[in-house]
Amino acid sequence: AQVETALEKVTPDEFRLHAHHWLIL
């Protein structure tokens, strides 16, 4: 939960949609 909140704060809008996939892969 802390990591999710932190990622939402620091991930630029242009990367938000695919951020999940880039990081997991």
PDB file of all heavy atoms in Angstrom:
ATOM      1  N   ALA A   1       0.835  -1.208   0.000  1.00  0.00           N
ATOM      2  CA  ALA A   1       0.000   0.000   0.000  1.00  0.00           C
ATOM      3  C   ALA A   1       0.867   1.255   0.000  1.00  0.00           C
ATOM      4  O   ALA A   1       0.558   2.234  -0.701  1.00  0.00           O
ATOM      5  CB  ALA A   1      -0.923  -0.004   1.215  1.00  0.00           C
ATOM      6  N   GLN A   2       1.943   1.240   0.780  1.00  0.00           N
ATOM      7  CA  GLN A   2       2.842   2.399   0.811  1.00  0.00           C
ATOM      8  C   GLN A   2       3.521   2.598  -0.534  1.00  0.00           C
ATOM      9  O   GLN A   2       3.670   3.728  -1.016  1.00  0.00           O
ATOM     10  CB  GLN A   2       3.887   2.214   1.913  1.00  0.00           C
ATOM     11  CG  GLN A   2       3.335   2.328   3.324  1.00  0.00           C
ATOM     12  CD  GLN A   2       4.405   2.088   4.382  1.00  0.00           C
ATOM     13  OE1 GLN A   2       5.539   1.732   4.074  1.00  0.00           O
ATOM     14  NE2 GLN A   2       4.034   2.265   5.648  1.00  0.00           N
ATOM     15  N   VAL A   3       3.931   1.510  -1.149  1.00  0.00           N
ATOM     16  CA  VAL A   3       4.590   1.607  -2.454  1.00  0.00           C
ATOM     17  C   VAL A   3       3.603   2.098  -3.504  1.00  0.00           C
ATOM     18  O   VAL A   3       3.945   2.936  -4.357  1.00  0.00           O
ATOM     19  CB  VAL A   3       5.192   0.243  -2.867  1.00  0.00           C
ATOM     20  CG1 VAL A   3       5.635   0.263  -4.332  1.00  0.00           C
ATOM     21  CG2 VAL A   3       6.376  -0.101  -1.962  1.00  0.00           C
ATOM     22  N   GLU A   4       2.379   1.606  -3.466  1.00  0.00           N
ATOM     23  CA  GLU A   4       1.361   2.054  -4.415  1.00  0.00           C
ATOM     24  C   GLU A   4       1.136   3.561  -4.302  1.00  0.00           C
ATOM     25  O   GLU A   4       1.118   4.282  -5.314  1.00  0.00           O
ATOM     26  CB  GLU A   4       0.035   1.330  -4.167  1.00  0.00           C
ATOM     27  CG  GLU A   4      -1.068   1.760  -5.126  1.00  0.00           C
ATOM     28  CD  GLU A   4      -2.408   1.122  -4.816  1.00  0.00           C
ATOM     29  OE1 GLU A   4      -2.438   0.042  -4.190  1.00  0.00           O
ATOM     30  OE2 GLU A   4      -3.442   1.712  -5.199  1.00  0.00           O
ATOM     31  N   THR A   5       0.995   4.039  -3.076  1.00  0.00           N
ATOM     32  CA  THR A   5       0.785   5.469  -2.854  1.00  0.00           C
ATOM     33  C   THR A   5       1.976   6.279  -3.357  1.00  0.00           C
ATOM     34  O   THR A   5       1.815   7.323  -4.001  1.00  0.00           O
ATOM     35  CB  THR A   5       0.568   5.759  -1.358  1.00  0.00           C
ATOM     36  OG1 THR A   5      -0.610   5.068  -0.918  1.00  0.00           O
ATOM     37  CG2 THR A   5       0.391   7.249  -1.104  1.00  0.00           C
ATOM     38  N   ALA A   6       3.183   5.780  -3.070  1.00  0.00           N
ATOM     39  CA  ALA A   6       4.395   6.482  -3.496  1.00  0.00           C
ATOM     40  C   ALA A   6       4.513   6.519  -5.017  1.00  0.00           C
ATOM     41  O   ALA A   6       4.850   7.555  -5.602  1.00  0.00           O
ATOM     42  CB  ALA A   6       5.626   5.815  -2.884  1.00  0.00           C
ATOM     43  N   LEU A   7       4.222   5.399  -5.672  1.00  0.00           N
ATOM     44  CA  LEU A   7       4.299   5.344  -7.129  1.00  0.00           C
ATOM     45  C   LEU A   7       3.282   6.286  -7.776  1.00  0.00           C
ATOM     46  O   LEU A   7       3.563   6.932  -8.788  1.00  0.00           O
ATOM     47  CB  LEU A   7       4.081   3.920  -7.625  1.00  0.00           C
ATOM     48  CG  LEU A   7       5.256   2.958  -7.462  1.00  0.00           C
ATOM     49  CD1 LEU A   7       4.836   1.536  -7.817  1.00  0.00           C
ATOM     50  CD2 LEU A   7       6.445   3.380  -8.325  1.00  0.00           C
ATOM     51  N   GLU A   8       2.105   6.361  -7.194  1.00  0.00           N
ATOM     52  CA  GLU A   8       1.084   7.248  -7.740  1.00  0.00           C
ATOM     53  C   GLU A   8       1.523   8.712  -7.652  1.00  0.00           C
ATOM     54  O   GLU A   8       1.177   9.521  -8.504  1.00  0.00           O
ATOM     55  CB  GLU A   8      -0.241   7.042  -7.007  1.00  0.00           C
ATOM     56  CG  GLU A   8      -0.922   5.713  -7.355  1.00  0.00           C
ATOM     57  CD  GLU A   8      -2.217   5.507  -6.611  1.00  0.00           C
ATOM     58  OE1 GLU A   8      -2.438   6.214  -5.601  1.00  0.00           O
ATOM     59  OE2 GLU A   8      -3.004   4.647  -7.034  1.00  0.00           O
ATOM     60  N   LYS A   9       2.293   9.022  -6.613  1.00  0.00           N
ATOM     61  CA  LYS A   9       2.751  10.404  -6.426  1.00  0.00           C
ATOM     62  C   LYS A   9       3.882  10.772  -7.381  1.00  0.00           C
ATOM     63  O   LYS A   9       3.944  11.904  -7.860  1.00  0.00           O
ATOM     64  CB  LYS A   9       3.218  10.609  -4.985  1.00  0.00           C
ATOM     65  CG  LYS A   9       2.099  10.653  -3.952  1.00  0.00           C
ATOM     66  CD  LYS A   9       2.661  10.884  -2.557  1.00  0.00           C
ATOM     67  CE  LYS A   9       1.543  10.969  -1.516  1.00  0.00           C
ATOM     68  NZ  LYS A   9       2.087  11.169  -0.142  1.00  0.00           N
ATOM     69  N   VAL A  10       4.769   9.818  -7.663  1.00  0.00           N
ATOM     70  CA  VAL A  10       5.978  10.158  -8.428  1.00  0.00           C
ATOM     71  C   VAL A  10       5.905   9.789  -9.910  1.00  0.00           C
ATOM     72  O   VAL A  10       6.765  10.207 -10.685  1.00  0.00           O
ATOM     73  CB  VAL A  10       7.231   9.493  -7.807  1.00  0.00           C
ATOM     74  CG1 VAL A  10       7.387   9.902  -6.347  1.00  0.00           C
ATOM     75  CG2 VAL A  10       7.177   7.972  -7.929  1.00  0.00           C
ATOM     76  N   THR A  11       4.903   9.019 -10.308  1.00  0.00           N
ATOM     77  CA  THR A  11       4.803   8.617 -11.718  1.00  0.00           C
ATOM     78  C   THR A  11       4.155   9.721 -12.542  1.00  0.00           C
ATOM     79  O   THR A  11       3.002  10.079 -12.296  1.00  0.00           O
ATOM     80  CB  THR A  11       3.981   7.326 -11.861  1.00  0.00           C
ATOM     81  OG1 THR A  11       4.614   6.264 -11.124  1.00  0.00           O
ATOM     82  CG2 THR A  11       3.879   6.913 -13.330  1.00  0.00           C
ATOM     83  N   PRO A  12       4.871  10.260 -13.522  1.00  0.00           N
ATOM     84  CA  PRO A  12       4.290  11.306 -14.379  1.00  0.00           C
ATOM     85  C   PRO A  12       3.042  10.805 -15.100  1.00  0.00           C
ATOM     86  O   PRO A  12       2.940   9.625 -15.438  1.00  0.00           O
ATOM     87  CB  PRO A  12       5.418  11.613 -15.381  1.00  0.00           C
ATOM     88  CG  PRO A  12       6.671  11.216 -14.650  1.00  0.00           C
ATOM     89  CD  PRO A  12       6.284   9.994 -13.858  1.00  0.00           C
ATOM     90  N   ASP A  13       2.100  11.701 -15.336  1.00  0.00           N
ATOM     91  CA  ASP A  13       0.824  11.323 -15.950  1.00  0.00           C
ATOM     92  C   ASP A  13       0.998  10.573 -17.266  1.00  0.00           C
ATOM     93  O   ASP A  13       0.243   9.635 -17.555  1.00  0.00           O
ATOM     94  CB  ASP A  13      -0.037  12.571 -16.183  1.00  0.00           C
ATOM     95  CG  ASP A  13      -0.568  13.160 -14.883  1.00  0.00           C
ATOM     96  OD1 ASP A  13      -0.534  12.447 -13.857  1.00  0.00           O
ATOM     97  OD2 ASP A  13      -1.019  14.324 -14.904  1.00  0.00           O
ATOM     98  N   GLU A  14       1.970  10.964 -18.065  1.00  0.00           N
ATOM     99  CA  GLU A  14       2.127  10.339 -19.377  1.00  0.00           C
ATOM    100  C   GLU A  14       2.516   8.862 -19.300  1.00  0.00           C
ATOM    101  O   GLU A  14       2.383   8.129 -20.277  1.00  0.00           O
ATOM    102  CB  GLU A  14       3.162  11.098 -20.207  1.00  0.00           C
ATOM    103  CG  GLU A  14       4.589  11.009 -19.670  1.00  0.00           C
ATOM    104  CD  GLU A  14       5.589  11.691 -20.593  1.00  0.00           C
ATOM    105  OE1 GLU A  14       5.718  11.258 -21.751  1.00  0.00           O
ATOM    106  OE2 GLU A  14       6.231  12.656 -20.141  1.00  0.00           O
ATOM    107  N   PHE A  15       2.988   8.431 -18.129  1.00  0.00           N
ATOM    108  CA  PHE A  15       3.414   7.034 -17.967  1.00  0.00           C
ATOM    109  C   PHE A  15       2.458   6.217 -17.102  1.00  0.00           C
ATOM    110  O   PHE A  15       2.668   5.020 -16.925  1.00  0.00           O
ATOM    111  CB  PHE A  15       4.805   6.985 -17.332  1.00  0.00           C
ATOM    112  CG  PHE A  15       5.871   7.703 -18.118  1.00  0.00           C
ATOM    113  CD1 PHE A  15       6.492   8.830 -17.603  1.00  0.00           C
ATOM    114  CD2 PHE A  15       6.252   7.262 -19.376  1.00  0.00           C
ATOM    115  CE1 PHE A  15       7.477   9.500 -18.316  1.00  0.00           C
ATOM    116  CE2 PHE A  15       7.235   7.921 -20.104  1.00  0.00           C
ATOM    117  CZ  PHE A  15       7.848   9.047 -19.572  1.00  0.00           C
ATOM    118  N   ARG A  16       1.412   6.848 -16.557  1.00  0.00           N
ATOM    119  CA  ARG A  16       0.570   6.186 -15.567  1.00  0.00           C
ATOM    120  C   ARG A  16      -0.150   4.948 -16.095  1.00  0.00           C
ATOM    121  O   ARG A  16      -0.246   3.932 -15.393  1.00  0.00           O
ATOM    122  CB  ARG A  16      -0.470   7.177 -15.020  1.00  0.00           C
ATOM    123  CG  ARG A  16       0.084   8.237 -14.091  1.00  0.00           C
ATOM    124  CD  ARG A  16       0.429   7.675 -12.726  1.00  0.00           C
ATOM    125  NE  ARG A  16      -0.735   7.215 -12.014  1.00  0.00           N
ATOM    126  CZ  ARG A  16      -1.494   7.999 -11.251  1.00  0.00           C
ATOM    127  NH1 ARG A  16      -1.212   9.290 -11.131  1.00  0.00           N
ATOM    128  NH2 ARG A  16      -2.529   7.511 -10.616  1.00  0.00           N
ATOM    129  N   LEU A  17      -0.655   5.015 -17.319  1.00  0.00           N
ATOM    130  CA  LEU A  17      -1.455   3.903 -17.837  1.00  0.00           C
ATOM    131  C   LEU A  17      -0.661   2.605 -17.921  1.00  0.00           C
ATOM    132  O   LEU A  17      -1.151   1.539 -17.560  1.00  0.00           O
ATOM    133  CB  LEU A  17      -2.023   4.253 -19.215  1.00  0.00           C
ATOM    134  CG  LEU A  17      -2.886   3.167 -19.866  1.00  0.00           C
ATOM    135  CD1 LEU A  17      -4.098   2.857 -18.996  1.00  0.00           C
ATOM    136  CD2 LEU A  17      -3.334   3.610 -21.260  1.00  0.00           C
ATOM    137  N   HIS A  18       0.586   2.683 -18.380  1.00  0.00           N
ATOM    138  CA  HIS A  18       1.388   1.468 -18.579  1.00  0.00           C
ATOM    139  C   HIS A  18       2.433   1.230 -17.485  1.00  0.00           C
ATOM    140  O   HIS A  18       3.199   0.260 -17.579  1.00  0.00           O
ATOM    141  CB  HIS A  18       2.093   1.530 -19.932  1.00  0.00           C
ATOM    142  CG  HIS A  18       1.162   1.494 -21.103  1.00  0.00           C
ATOM    143  ND1 HIS A  18       0.158   0.565 -21.239  1.00  0.00           N
ATOM    144  CD2 HIS A  18       1.078   2.291 -22.213  1.00  0.00           C
ATOM    145  CE1 HIS A  18      -0.505   0.770 -22.367  1.00  0.00           C
ATOM    146  NE2 HIS A  18       0.036   1.810 -22.971  1.00  0.00           N
ATOM    147  N   ALA A  19       2.493   2.088 -16.484  1.00  0.00           N
ATOM    148  CA  ALA A  19       3.510   1.951 -15.428  1.00  0.00           C
ATOM    149  C   ALA A  19       3.490   0.567 -14.798  1.00  0.00           C
ATOM    150  O   ALA A  19       4.542  -0.046 -14.561  1.00  0.00           O
ATOM    151  CB  ALA A  19       3.308   3.030 -14.365  1.00  0.00           C
ATOM    152  N   HIS A  20       2.308   0.068 -14.533  1.00  0.00           N
ATOM    153  CA  HIS A  20       2.160  -1.248 -13.911  1.00  0.00           C
ATOM    154  C   HIS A  20       2.872  -2.324 -14.724  1.00  0.00           C
ATOM    155  O   HIS A  20       3.651  -3.121 -14.189  1.00  0.00           O
ATOM    156  CB  HIS A  20       0.673  -1.575 -13.771  1.00  0.00           C
ATOM    157  CG  HIS A  20       0.361  -3.021 -13.560  1.00  0.00           C
ATOM    158  ND1 HIS A  20       0.537  -3.645 -12.349  1.00  0.00           N
ATOM    159  CD2 HIS A  20      -0.092  -3.981 -14.416  1.00  0.00           C
ATOM    160  CE1 HIS A  20       0.190  -4.922 -12.462  1.00  0.00           C
ATOM    161  NE2 HIS A  20      -0.190  -5.144 -13.700  1.00  0.00           N
ATOM    162  N   HIS A  21       2.626  -2.339 -16.018  1.00  0.00           N
ATOM    163  CA  HIS A  21       3.224  -3.375 -16.855  1.00  0.00           C
ATOM    164  C   HIS A  21       4.731  -3.201 -17.016  1.00  0.00           C
ATOM    165  O   HIS A  21       5.485  -4.185 -16.970  1.00  0.00           O
ATOM    166  CB  HIS A  21       2.564  -3.378 -18.241  1.00  0.00           C
ATOM    167  CG  HIS A  21       1.200  -3.970 -18.245  1.00  0.00           C
ATOM    168  ND1 HIS A  21       0.080  -3.281 -18.636  1.00  0.00           N
ATOM    169  CD2 HIS A  21       0.767  -5.198 -17.877  1.00  0.00           C
ATOM    170  CE1 HIS A  21      -0.981  -4.061 -18.512  1.00  0.00           C
ATOM    171  NE2 HIS A  21      -0.590  -5.222 -18.056  1.00  0.00           N
ATOM    172  N   TRP A  22       5.177  -1.977 -17.209  1.00  0.00           N
ATOM    173  CA  TRP A  22       6.622  -1.770 -17.356  1.00  0.00           C
ATOM    174  C   TRP A  22       7.376  -2.260 -16.126  1.00  0.00           C
ATOM    175  O   TRP A  22       8.401  -2.930 -16.240  1.00  0.00           O
ATOM    176  CB  TRP A  22       6.922  -0.285 -17.592  1.00  0.00           C
ATOM    177  CG  TRP A  22       6.620   0.178 -18.976  1.00  0.00           C
ATOM    178  CD1 TRP A  22       6.858  -0.488 -20.156  1.00  0.00           C
ATOM    179  CD2 TRP A  22       5.997   1.408 -19.356  1.00  0.00           C
ATOM    180  NE1 TRP A  22       6.445   0.264 -21.230  1.00  0.00           N
ATOM    181  CE2 TRP A  22       5.906   1.429 -20.780  1.00  0.00           C
ATOM    182  CE3 TRP A  22       5.532   2.515 -18.638  1.00  0.00           C
ATOM    183  CZ2 TRP A  22       5.362   2.502 -21.475  1.00  0.00           C
ATOM    184  CZ3 TRP A  22       4.989   3.589 -19.331  1.00  0.00           C
ATOM    185  CH2 TRP A  22       4.908   3.577 -20.735  1.00  0.00           C
ATOM    186  N   LEU A  23       6.867  -1.930 -14.959  1.00  0.00           N
ATOM    187  CA  LEU A  23       7.578  -2.282 -13.723  1.00  0.00           C
ATOM    188  C   LEU A  23       7.508  -3.780 -13.427  1.00  0.00           C
ATOM    189  O   LEU A  23       8.497  -4.377 -12.989  1.00  0.00           O
ATOM    190  CB  LEU A  23       7.024  -1.475 -12.550  1.00  0.00           C
ATOM    191  CG  LEU A  23       7.221   0.045 -12.641  1.00  0.00           C
ATOM    192  CD1 LEU A  23       6.562   0.741 -11.447  1.00  0.00           C
ATOM    193  CD2 LEU A  23       8.705   0.396 -12.705  1.00  0.00           C
ATOM    194  N   ILE A  24       6.354  -4.386 -13.664  1.00  0.00           N
ATOM    195  CA  ILE A  24       6.245  -5.818 -13.363  1.00  0.00           C
ATOM    196  C   ILE A  24       7.099  -6.642 -14.317  1.00  0.00           C
ATOM    197  O   ILE A  24       7.767  -7.604 -13.912  1.00  0.00           O
ATOM    198  CB  ILE A  24       4.773  -6.282 -13.397  1.00  0.00           C
ATOM    199  CG1 ILE A  24       4.654  -7.689 -12.790  1.00  0.00           C
ATOM    200  CG2 ILE A  24       4.214  -6.290 -14.801  1.00  0.00           C
ATOM    201  CD1 ILE A  24       3.210  -8.146 -12.622  1.00  0.00           C
ATOM    202  N   LEU A  25       7.113  -6.269 -15.595  1.00  0.00           N
ATOM    203  CA  LEU A  25       7.928  -7.004 -16.559  1.00  0.00           C
ATOM    204  C   LEU A  25       9.416  -6.799 -16.293  1.00  0.00           C
ATOM    205  O   LEU A  25      10.216  -7.728 -16.438  1.00  0.00           O
ATOM    206  CB  LEU A  25       7.571  -6.574 -17.984  1.00  0.00           C
ATOM    207  CG  LEU A  25       6.155  -6.950 -18.446  1.00  0.00           C
ATOM    208  CD1 LEU A  25       5.846  -6.312 -19.789  1.00  0.00           C
ATOM    209  CD2 LEU A  25       5.999  -8.460 -18.525  1.00  0.00           C
TER     210      LEU A  25
END
